[in-house]
C-alpha atoms as a PDB file:
ATOM      1  CA  MET A   1      33.063  38.178 -38.780  1.00  0.00           C
ATOM      2  CA  LYS A   2      36.798  38.274 -38.958  1.00  0.00           C
ATOM      3  CA  ILE A   3      36.958  41.411 -36.950  1.00  0.00           C
ATOM      4  CA  PHE A   4      34.625  39.990 -34.333  1.00  0.00           C
ATOM      5  CA  ALA A   5      36.713  36.712 -34.042  1.00  0.00           C
ATOM      6  CA  GLU A   6      39.945  38.807 -33.641  1.00  0.00           C
ATOM      7  CA  ARG A   7      38.440  41.108 -30.974  1.00  0.00           C
ATOM      8  CA  LEU A   8      36.879  38.344 -29.074  1.00  0.00           C
ATOM      9  CA  LYS A   9      40.267  36.489 -28.900  1.00  0.00           C
ATOM     10  CA  ASP A  10      42.098  39.777 -27.832  1.00  0.00           C
ATOM     11  CA  LEU A  11      39.567  40.406 -25.263  1.00  0.00           C
ATOM     12  CA  ARG A  12      39.661  36.808 -23.847  1.00  0.00           C
ATOM     13  CA  ALA A  13      43.448  36.921 -23.763  1.00  0.00           C
ATOM     14  CA  GLU A  14      43.500  40.316 -21.937  1.00  0.00           C
ATOM     15  CA  LYS A  15      41.498  38.623 -19.130  1.00  0.00           C
ATOM     16  CA  SER A  16      43.755  35.398 -19.305  1.00  0.00           C
ATOM     17  CA  LEU A  17      40.593  33.180 -19.892  1.00  0.00           C
ATOM     18  CA  SER A  18      40.418  29.916 -21.614  1.00  0.00           C
ATOM     19  CA  CYS A  19      37.470  29.216 -23.989  1.00  0.00           C
ATOM     20  CA  GLN A  20      36.128  26.954 -21.212  1.00  0.00           C
ATOM     21  CA  GLY A  21      36.424  29.762 -18.614  1.00  0.00           C
ATOM     22  CA  LEU A  22      34.664  32.325 -20.930  1.00  0.00           C
ATOM     23  CA  GLY A  23      32.010  29.871 -21.918  1.00  0.00           C
ATOM     24  CA  LYS A  24      31.231  29.154 -18.257  1.00  0.00           C
ATOM     25  CA  ALA A  25      31.129  32.854 -17.479  1.00  0.00           C
ATOM     26  CA  ILE A  26      28.542  33.601 -20.120  1.00  0.00           C
ATOM     27  CA  GLU A  27      26.808  30.274 -20.124  1.00  0.00           C
ATOM     28  CA  VAL A  28      27.734  28.916 -23.554  1.00  0.00           C
ATOM     29  CA  SER A  29      29.789  25.951 -24.507  1.00  0.00           C
ATOM     30  CA  ALA A  30      33.625  26.248 -24.863  1.00  0.00           C
ATOM     31  CA  ALA A  31      33.244  24.899 -28.448  1.00  0.00           C
ATOM     32  CA  ALA A  32      30.973  27.777 -29.253  1.00  0.00           C
ATOM     33  CA  ILE A  33      33.658  30.235 -28.175  1.00  0.00           C
ATOM     34  CA  CYS A  34      36.249  28.540 -30.157  1.00  0.00           C
ATOM     35  CA  ARG A  35      34.004  28.410 -33.309  1.00  0.00           C
ATOM     36  CA  TRP A  36      33.321  32.210 -32.893  1.00  0.00           C
ATOM     37  CA  GLU A  37      37.049  32.880 -32.560  1.00  0.00           C
ATOM     38  CA  ASN A  38      37.870  30.881 -35.659  1.00  0.00           C
ATOM     39  CA  ALA A  39      34.897  32.483 -37.635  1.00  0.00           C
ATOM     40  CA  MET A  40      33.407  29.109 -38.158  1.00  0.00           C
ATOM     41  CA  HIS A  41      29.921  30.052 -36.835  1.00  0.00           C
ATOM     42  CA  ASP A  42      27.806  33.182 -36.517  1.00  0.00           C
ATOM     43  CA  ILE A  43      26.848  34.350 -33.068  1.00  0.00           C
ATOM     44  CA  LYS A  44      23.325  34.804 -31.798  1.00  0.00           C
ATOM     45  CA  GLY A  45      22.214  38.210 -30.759  1.00  0.00           C
ATOM     46  CA  GLU A  46      21.692  37.115 -27.184  1.00  0.00           C
ATOM     47  CA  ASP A  47      25.165  35.677 -26.934  1.00  0.00           C
ATOM     48  CA  LEU A  48      26.697  38.884 -28.467  1.00  0.00           C
ATOM     49  CA  VAL A  49      24.977  40.783 -25.781  1.00  0.00           C
ATOM     50  CA  LYS A  50      26.436  38.480 -23.041  1.00  0.00           C
ATOM     51  CA  LEU A  51      29.875  38.938 -24.341  1.00  0.00           C
ATOM     52  CA  ALA A  52      29.559  42.797 -24.562  1.00  0.00           C
ATOM     53  CA  LYS A  53      28.313  42.910 -20.976  1.00  0.00           C
ATOM     54  CA  PHE A  54      31.006  40.498 -19.684  1.00  0.00           C
ATOM     55  CA  PHE A  55      33.838  42.431 -21.344  1.00  0.00           C
ATOM     56  CA  GLU A  56      32.216  45.868 -20.754  1.00  0.00           C
ATOM     57  CA  VAL A  57      32.350  46.758 -24.399  1.00  0.00           C
ATOM     58  CA  THR A  58      29.639  47.711 -26.965  1.00  0.00           C
ATOM     59  CA  THR A  59      28.089  45.195 -29.311  1.00  0.00           C
ATOM     60  CA  ASP A  60      29.228  47.686 -32.149  1.00  0.00           C
ATOM     61  CA  TYR A  61      32.893  47.266 -30.867  1.00  0.00           C
ATOM     62  CA  LEU A  62      32.730  43.540 -31.006  1.00  0.00           C
ATOM     63  CA  LEU A  63      31.260  43.563 -34.520  1.00  0.00           C
ATOM     64  CA  GLY A  64      33.832  46.130 -35.706  1.00  0.00           C
ATOM     65  CA  LEU A  65      31.368  48.915 -36.264  1.00  0.00           C
ATOM     66  CA  ALA A  66      33.084  51.168 -33.693  1.00  0.00           C
ATOM     67  CA  ASP A  67      36.759  51.298 -32.558  1.00  0.00           C
ATOM     68  CA  TYR A  68      36.173  52.132 -28.812  1.00  0.00           C
END
C-alpha cells in the first residue's frame, strides 16, 4: 500500500487539491483520504475505481502494478 499512498499524494498535489477537496469530489471523507495517503487504512474497490476515474489513471497504476 506504500506505492498507492505515494501515488495518491502525488496525483492530489498535481491537481492542487486538499484532502477535503478530493474527498468531496469522489464523495468520501477527508479523513479517509488522509488515512489512505498515510497507508493507515486499506481502500475499498469502489473507492479505488472512483479515484482512478477522477485522476484518469488505471487502478493498476494506483496500486503500483503498472507505471503508466
